[in-house]
Amino acid sequence: SIHAYHFVIDRFGRVFRVVPESDVANHAGPSVWADPENAYVGLNESFLGVAVETQTGEEQTASPGQIHSLRILTEM
């Protein structure tokens, strides 16, 4: 089966690994991104995908617990 994200951070800030970092997740679909030095084609192969749980239909920012988890995950 195809999973969309490497990690999911739930509304309480708990982190769940869905796909190992060594594997490709389908978080970006067919995609292209570039900066002044590089161009990336197929972002699924180039980047890790992280999803943050929020409520559907409401504009909501990440909770303090989610932000804390995102910082720790980024450091790792």
PDB file of N, CA and C in Angstrom:
ATOM      1  N   SER A   1       0.830  -1.196   0.000  1.00  0.00           N
ATOM      2  CA  SER A   1       0.000   0.000   0.000  1.00  0.00           C
ATOM      3  C   SER A   1       0.869   1.251   0.000  1.00  0.00           C
ATOM      4  N   ILE A   2       0.331   2.338  -0.494  1.00  0.00           N
ATOM      5  CA  ILE A   2       1.069   3.597  -0.571  1.00  0.00           C
ATOM      6  C   ILE A   2       0.629   4.498   0.580  1.00  0.00           C
ATOM      7  N   HIS A   3       1.590   4.990   1.315  1.00  0.00           N
ATOM      8  CA  HIS A   3       1.300   5.906   2.411  1.00  0.00           C
ATOM      9  C   HIS A   3       1.751   7.309   2.025  1.00  0.00           C
ATOM     10  N   ALA A   4       1.032   8.306   2.497  1.00  0.00           N
ATOM     11  CA  ALA A   4       1.261   9.671   2.052  1.00  0.00           C
ATOM     12  C   ALA A   4       2.333  10.414   2.848  1.00  0.00           C
ATOM     13  N   TYR A   5       2.623  10.026   4.078  1.00  0.00           N
ATOM     14  CA  TYR A   5       3.568  10.787   4.891  1.00  0.00           C
ATOM     15  C   TYR A   5       4.515   9.856   5.632  1.00  0.00           C
ATOM     16  N   HIS A   6       5.709  10.362   5.894  1.00  0.00           N
ATOM     17  CA  HIS A   6       6.652   9.621   6.728  1.00  0.00           C
ATOM     18  C   HIS A   6       6.239   9.697   8.202  1.00  0.00           C
ATOM     19  N   PHE A   7       5.769  10.875   8.622  1.00  0.00           N
ATOM     20  CA  PHE A   7       5.389  11.082  10.014  1.00  0.00           C
ATOM     21  C   PHE A   7       4.043  11.798  10.085  1.00  0.00           C
ATOM     22  N   VAL A   8       3.276  11.473  11.114  1.00  0.00           N
ATOM     23  CA  VAL A   8       2.035  12.181  11.425  1.00  0.00           C
ATOM     24  C   VAL A   8       2.153  12.648  12.874  1.00  0.00           C
ATOM     25  N   ILE A   9       1.834  13.924  13.109  1.00  0.00           N
ATOM     26  CA  ILE A   9       1.815  14.481  14.465  1.00  0.00           C
ATOM     27  C   ILE A   9       0.356  14.740  14.810  1.00  0.00           C
ATOM     28  N   ASP A  10      -0.130  14.016  15.827  1.00  0.00           N
ATOM     29  CA  ASP A  10      -1.544  14.149  16.172  1.00  0.00           C
ATOM     30  C   ASP A  10      -1.801  15.423  16.972  1.00  0.00           C
ATOM     31  N   ARG A  11      -3.059  15.663  17.315  1.00  0.00           N
ATOM     32  CA  ARG A  11      -3.445  16.917  17.971  1.00  0.00           C
ATOM     33  C   ARG A  11      -2.844  17.069  19.352  1.00  0.00           C
ATOM     34  N   PHE A  12      -2.325  15.974  19.937  1.00  0.00           N
ATOM     35  CA  PHE A  12      -1.700  16.028  21.255  1.00  0.00           C
ATOM     36  C   PHE A  12      -0.182  16.192  21.170  1.00  0.00           C
ATOM     37  N   GLY A  13       0.350  16.184  19.940  1.00  0.00           N
ATOM     38  CA  GLY A  13       1.788  16.319  19.751  1.00  0.00           C
ATOM     39  C   GLY A  13       2.523  14.996  19.678  1.00  0.00           C
ATOM     40  N   ARG A  14       1.778  13.880  19.684  1.00  0.00           N
ATOM     41  CA  ARG A  14       2.428  12.570  19.559  1.00  0.00           C
ATOM     42  C   ARG A  14       2.845  12.357  18.114  1.00  0.00           C
ATOM     43  N   VAL A  15       4.039  11.793  17.941  1.00  0.00           N
ATOM     44  CA  VAL A  15       4.599  11.568  16.609  1.00  0.00           C
ATOM     45  C   VAL A  15       4.489  10.082  16.264  1.00  0.00           C
ATOM     46  N   PHE A  16       3.970   9.808  15.079  1.00  0.00           N
ATOM     47  CA  PHE A  16       3.848   8.442  14.590  1.00  0.00           C
ATOM     48  C   PHE A  16       4.636   8.308  13.287  1.00  0.00           C
ATOM     49  N   ARG A  17       5.528   7.338  13.226  1.00  0.00           N
ATOM     50  CA  ARG A  17       6.236   7.049  11.977  1.00  0.00           C
ATOM     51  C   ARG A  17       5.337   6.129  11.163  1.00  0.00           C
ATOM     52  N   VAL A  18       4.996   6.559   9.955  1.00  0.00           N
ATOM     53  CA  VAL A  18       4.129   5.792   9.072  1.00  0.00           C
ATOM     54  C   VAL A  18       4.966   5.068   8.023  1.00  0.00           C
ATOM     55  N   VAL A  19       5.986   5.763   7.510  1.00  0.00           N
ATOM     56  CA  VAL A  19       6.875   5.209   6.486  1.00  0.00           C
ATOM     57  C   VAL A  19       8.308   5.431   6.968  1.00  0.00           C
ATOM     58  N   PRO A  20       9.173   4.418   6.919  1.00  0.00           N
ATOM     59  CA  PRO A  20      10.568   4.624   7.310  1.00  0.00           C
ATOM     60  C   PRO A  20      11.228   5.717   6.457  1.00  0.00           C
ATOM     61  N   GLU A  21      12.151   6.446   7.054  1.00  0.00           N
ATOM     62  CA  GLU A  21      12.813   7.542   6.343  1.00  0.00           C
ATOM     63  C   GLU A  21      13.556   7.065   5.097  1.00  0.00           C
ATOM     64  N   SER A  22      13.963   5.815   5.076  1.00  0.00           N
ATOM     65  CA  SER A  22      14.684   5.263   3.926  1.00  0.00           C
ATOM     66  C   SER A  22      13.755   4.951   2.752  1.00  0.00           C
ATOM     67  N   ASP A  23      12.439   4.942   2.987  1.00  0.00           N
ATOM     68  CA  ASP A  23      11.461   4.646   1.942  1.00  0.00           C
ATOM     69  C   ASP A  23      10.800   5.925   1.432  1.00  0.00           C
ATOM     70  N   VAL A  24      10.179   5.829   0.270  1.00  0.00           N
ATOM     71  CA  VAL A  24       9.498   6.970  -0.354  1.00  0.00           C
ATOM     72  C   VAL A  24       8.032   6.976   0.079  1.00  0.00           C
ATOM     73  N   ALA A  25       7.534   8.132   0.502  1.00  0.00           N
ATOM     74  CA  ALA A  25       6.112   8.329   0.778  1.00  0.00           C
ATOM     75  C   ALA A  25       5.537   9.239  -0.303  1.00  0.00           C
ATOM     76  N   ASN A  26       4.262   9.142  -0.551  1.00  0.00           N
ATOM     77  CA  ASN A  26       3.613   9.900  -1.631  1.00  0.00           C
ATOM     78  C   ASN A  26       2.996  11.190  -1.096  1.00  0.00           C
ATOM     79  N   HIS A  27       3.803  12.077  -0.513  1.00  0.00           N
ATOM     80  CA  HIS A  27       3.294  13.300   0.108  1.00  0.00           C
ATOM     81  C   HIS A  27       3.237  14.491  -0.827  1.00  0.00           C
ATOM     82  N   ALA A  28       3.959  14.453  -1.935  1.00  0.00           N
ATOM     83  CA  ALA A  28       4.015  15.616  -2.814  1.00  0.00           C
ATOM     84  C   ALA A  28       3.416  15.367  -4.196  1.00  0.00           C
ATOM     85  N   GLY A  29       3.075  14.137  -4.517  1.00  0.00           N
ATOM     86  CA  GLY A  29       2.540  13.844  -5.841  1.00  0.00           C
ATOM     87  C   GLY A  29       3.544  14.215  -6.924  1.00  0.00           C
ATOM     88  N   PRO A  30       3.099  14.392  -8.171  1.00  0.00           N
ATOM     89  CA  PRO A  30       4.013  14.847  -9.222  1.00  0.00           C
ATOM     90  C   PRO A  30       4.393  16.293  -8.926  1.00  0.00           C
ATOM     91  N   SER A  31       5.674  16.558  -8.714  1.00  0.00           N
ATOM     92  CA  SER A  31       6.041  17.887  -8.228  1.00  0.00           C
ATOM     93  C   SER A  31       7.431  18.309  -8.694  1.00  0.00           C
ATOM     94  N   VAL A  32       7.616  19.648  -8.744  1.00  0.00           N
ATOM     95  CA  VAL A  32       8.899  20.259  -9.076  1.00  0.00           C
ATOM     96  C   VAL A  32       9.081  21.452  -8.158  1.00  0.00           C
ATOM     97  N   TRP A  33      10.283  21.625  -7.633  1.00  0.00           N
ATOM     98  CA  TRP A  33      10.602  22.779  -6.779  1.00  0.00           C
ATOM     99  C   TRP A  33      12.042  23.173  -7.056  1.00  0.00           C
ATOM    100  N   ALA A  34      12.337  24.451  -7.025  1.00  0.00           N
ATOM    101  CA  ALA A  34      13.702  24.915  -7.286  1.00  0.00           C
ATOM    102  C   ALA A  34      14.051  26.068  -6.372  1.00  0.00           C
ATOM    103  N   ASP A  35      15.334  26.138  -6.024  1.00  0.00           N
ATOM    104  CA  ASP A  35      15.895  27.303  -5.345  1.00  0.00           C
ATOM    105  C   ASP A  35      17.039  27.802  -6.229  1.00  0.00           C
ATOM    106  N   PRO A  36      17.754  28.848  -5.833  1.00  0.00           N
ATOM    107  CA  PRO A  36      18.803  29.378  -6.713  1.00  0.00           C
ATOM    108  C   PRO A  36      19.910  28.371  -7.057  1.00  0.00           C
ATOM    109  N   GLU A  37      20.082  27.331  -6.261  1.00  0.00           N
ATOM    110  CA  GLU A  37      21.184  26.396  -6.499  1.00  0.00           C
ATOM    111  C   GLU A  37      20.761  25.043  -7.054  1.00  0.00           C
ATOM    112  N   ASN A  38      19.551  24.611  -6.787  1.00  0.00           N
ATOM    113  CA  ASN A  38      19.137  23.261  -7.165  1.00  0.00           C
ATOM    114  C   ASN A  38      17.705  23.242  -7.676  1.00  0.00           C
ATOM    115  N   ALA A  39      17.429  22.217  -8.460  1.00  0.00           N
ATOM    116  CA  ALA A  39      16.060  21.929  -8.880  1.00  0.00           C
ATOM    117  C   ALA A  39      15.743  20.512  -8.434  1.00  0.00           C
ATOM    118  N   TYR A  40      14.541  20.324  -7.902  1.00  0.00           N
ATOM    119  CA  TYR A  40      14.118  19.014  -7.415  1.00  0.00           C
ATOM    120  C   TYR A  40      12.889  18.582  -8.208  1.00  0.00           C
ATOM    121  N   VAL A  41      12.974  17.418  -8.815  1.00  0.00           N
ATOM    122  CA  VAL A  41      11.855  16.848  -9.557  1.00  0.00           C
ATOM    123  C   VAL A  41      11.428  15.597  -8.805  1.00  0.00           C
ATOM    124  N   GLY A  42      10.149  15.454  -8.566  1.00  0.00           N
ATOM    125  CA  GLY A  42       9.669  14.306  -7.812  1.00  0.00           C
ATOM    126  C   GLY A  42      10.035  14.444  -6.344  1.00  0.00           C
ATOM    127  N   LEU A  43       9.411  15.395  -5.659  1.00  0.00           N
ATOM    128  CA  LEU A  43       9.763  15.698  -4.269  1.00  0.00           C
ATOM    129  C   LEU A  43       9.555  14.521  -3.329  1.00  0.00           C
ATOM    130  N   ASN A  44       8.758  13.556  -3.713  1.00  0.00           N
ATOM    131  CA  ASN A  44       8.579  12.385  -2.859  1.00  0.00           C
ATOM    132  C   ASN A  44       9.909  11.691  -2.594  1.00  0.00           C
ATOM    133  N   GLU A  45      10.788  11.658  -3.582  1.00  0.00           N
ATOM    134  CA  GLU A  45      12.082  10.996  -3.435  1.00  0.00           C
ATOM    135  C   GLU A  45      13.114  11.878  -2.747  1.00  0.00           C
ATOM    136  N   SER A  46      12.879  13.188  -2.687  1.00  0.00           N
ATOM    137  CA  SER A  46      13.889  14.124  -2.187  1.00  0.00           C
ATOM    138  C   SER A  46      13.636  14.624  -0.770  1.00  0.00           C
ATOM    139  N   PHE A  47      12.419  14.527  -0.277  1.00  0.00           N
ATOM    140  CA  PHE A  47      12.060  15.119   1.005  1.00  0.00           C
ATOM    141  C   PHE A  47      11.215  14.157   1.836  1.00  0.00           C
ATOM    142  N   LEU A  48      11.229  14.377   3.148  1.00  0.00           N
ATOM    143  CA  LEU A  48      10.350  13.643   4.049  1.00  0.00           C
ATOM    144  C   LEU A  48       9.031  14.387   4.185  1.00  0.00           C
ATOM    145  N   GLY A  49       7.940  13.658   4.286  1.00  0.00           N
ATOM    146  CA  GLY A  49       6.625  14.264   4.455  1.00  0.00           C
ATOM    147  C   GLY A  49       6.159  14.165   5.896  1.00  0.00           C
ATOM    148  N   VAL A  50       5.681  15.299   6.446  1.00  0.00           N
ATOM    149  CA  VAL A  50       5.164  15.348   7.808  1.00  0.00           C
ATOM    150  C   VAL A  50       3.766  15.958   7.765  1.00  0.00           C
ATOM    151  N   ALA A  51       2.792  15.283   8.364  1.00  0.00           N
ATOM    152  CA  ALA A  51       1.430  15.808   8.447  1.00  0.00           C
ATOM    153  C   ALA A  51       1.145  16.198   9.896  1.00  0.00           C
ATOM    154  N   VAL A  52       0.443  17.324  10.066  1.00  0.00           N
ATOM    155  CA  VAL A  52       0.034  17.794  11.391  1.00  0.00           C
ATOM    156  C   VAL A  52      -1.490  17.764  11.421  1.00  0.00           C
ATOM    157  N   GLU A  53      -2.051  17.037  12.384  1.00  0.00           N
ATOM    158  CA  GLU A  53      -3.502  16.880  12.490  1.00  0.00           C
ATOM    159  C   GLU A  53      -4.163  18.173  12.968  1.00  0.00           C
ATOM    160  N   THR A  54      -5.191  18.606  12.254  1.00  0.00           N
ATOM    161  CA  THR A  54      -6.042  19.724  12.678  1.00  0.00           C
ATOM    162  C   THR A  54      -7.486  19.345  12.360  1.00  0.00           C
ATOM    163  N   GLN A  55      -8.419  20.196  12.741  1.00  0.00           N
ATOM    164  CA  GLN A  55      -9.823  19.908  12.451  1.00  0.00           C
ATOM    165  C   GLN A  55     -10.166  20.311  11.029  1.00  0.00           C
ATOM    166  N   THR A  56     -10.981  19.500  10.375  1.00  0.00           N
ATOM    167  CA  THR A  56     -11.422  19.768   9.013  1.00  0.00           C
ATOM    168  C   THR A  56     -12.382  20.951   9.001  1.00  0.00           C
ATOM    169  N   GLY A  57     -12.199  21.834   8.024  1.00  0.00           N
ATOM    170  CA  GLY A  57     -13.130  22.930   7.837  1.00  0.00           C
ATOM    171  C   GLY A  57     -12.898  24.127   8.735  1.00  0.00           C
ATOM    172  N   GLU A  58     -11.894  24.089   9.557  1.00  0.00           N
ATOM    173  CA  GLU A  58     -11.597  25.230  10.426  1.00  0.00           C
ATOM    174  C   GLU A  58     -10.155  25.657  10.219  1.00  0.00           C
ATOM    175  N   GLU A  59      -9.949  26.966  10.148  1.00  0.00           N
ATOM    176  CA  GLU A  59      -8.578  27.461  10.065  1.00  0.00           C
ATOM    177  C   GLU A  59      -7.979  27.350  11.461  1.00  0.00           C
ATOM    178  N   GLN A  60      -6.947  26.566  11.572  1.00  0.00           N
ATOM    179  CA  GLN A  60      -6.381  26.301  12.883  1.00  0.00           C
ATOM    180  C   GLN A  60      -4.870  26.171  12.759  1.00  0.00           C
ATOM    181  N   THR A  61      -4.146  26.727  13.703  1.00  0.00           N
ATOM    182  CA  THR A  61      -2.703  26.595  13.698  1.00  0.00           C
ATOM    183  C   THR A  61      -2.305  25.392  14.541  1.00  0.00           C
ATOM    184  N   ALA A  62      -1.055  25.005  14.413  1.00  0.00           N
ATOM    185  CA  ALA A  62      -0.539  23.891  15.203  1.00  0.00           C
ATOM    186  C   ALA A  62      -0.546  24.267  16.684  1.00  0.00           C
ATOM    187  N   SER A  63      -0.820  23.288  17.522  1.00  0.00           N
ATOM    188  CA  SER A  63      -0.827  23.501  18.969  1.00  0.00           C
ATOM    189  C   SER A  63       0.610  23.611  19.481  1.00  0.00           C
ATOM    190  N   PRO A  64       0.810  24.144  20.672  1.00  0.00           N
ATOM    191  CA  PRO A  64       2.161  24.205  21.240  1.00  0.00           C
ATOM    192  C   PRO A  64       2.823  22.821  21.304  1.00  0.00           C
ATOM    193  N   GLY A  65       2.050  21.781  21.629  1.00  0.00           N
ATOM    194  CA  GLY A  65       2.608  20.427  21.665  1.00  0.00           C
ATOM    195  C   GLY A  65       3.055  19.953  20.293  1.00  0.00           C
ATOM    196  N   GLN A  66       2.295  20.300  19.266  1.00  0.00           N
ATOM    197  CA  GLN A  66       2.663  19.927  17.902  1.00  0.00           C
ATOM    198  C   GLN A  66       3.915  20.676  17.451  1.00  0.00           C
ATOM    199  N   ILE A  67       3.992  21.952  17.772  1.00  0.00           N
ATOM    200  CA  ILE A  67       5.172  22.740  17.405  1.00  0.00           C
ATOM    201  C   ILE A  67       6.408  22.179  18.090  1.00  0.00           C
ATOM    202  N   HIS A  68       6.279  21.819  19.359  1.00  0.00           N
ATOM    203  CA  HIS A  68       7.396  21.213  20.088  1.00  0.00           C
ATOM    204  C   HIS A  68       7.840  19.916  19.394  1.00  0.00           C
ATOM    205  N   SER A  69       6.888  19.076  19.037  1.00  0.00           N
ATOM    206  CA  SER A  69       7.211  17.829  18.352  1.00  0.00           C
ATOM    207  C   SER A  69       7.844  18.067  16.995  1.00  0.00           C
ATOM    208  N   LEU A  70       7.356  19.065  16.258  1.00  0.00           N
ATOM    209  CA  LEU A  70       7.963  19.406  14.973  1.00  0.00           C
ATOM    210  C   LEU A  70       9.408  19.832  15.140  1.00  0.00           C
ATOM    211  N   ARG A  71       9.697  20.613  16.164  1.00  0.00           N
ATOM    212  CA  ARG A  71      11.083  21.049  16.412  1.00  0.00           C
ATOM    213  C   ARG A  71      11.982  19.866  16.731  1.00  0.00           C
ATOM    214  N   ILE A  72      11.520  18.980  17.581  1.00  0.00           N
ATOM    215  CA  ILE A  72      12.330  17.795  17.938  1.00  0.00           C
ATOM    216  C   ILE A  72      12.533  16.911  16.712  1.00  0.00           C
ATOM    217  N   LEU A  73      11.482  16.686  15.936  1.00  0.00           N
ATOM    218  CA  LEU A  73      11.584  15.865  14.744  1.00  0.00           C
ATOM    219  C   LEU A  73      12.572  16.475  13.756  1.00  0.00           C
ATOM    220  N   THR A  74      12.543  17.788  13.589  1.00  0.00           N
ATOM    221  CA  THR A  74      13.470  18.465  12.694  1.00  0.00           C
ATOM    222  C   THR A  74      14.910  18.309  13.163  1.00  0.00           C
ATOM    223  N   GLU A  75      15.140  18.425  14.458  1.00  0.00           N
ATOM    224  CA  GLU A  75      16.484  18.267  15.009  1.00  0.00           C
ATOM    225  C   GLU A  75      17.014  16.850  14.787  1.00  0.00           C
ATOM    226  N   MET A  76      16.111  15.881  14.865  1.00  0.00           N
ATOM    227  CA  MET A  76      16.529  14.484  14.689  1.00  0.00           C
ATOM    228  C   MET A  76      16.923  14.218  13.256  1.00  0.00           C
TER     229      MET A  76
END
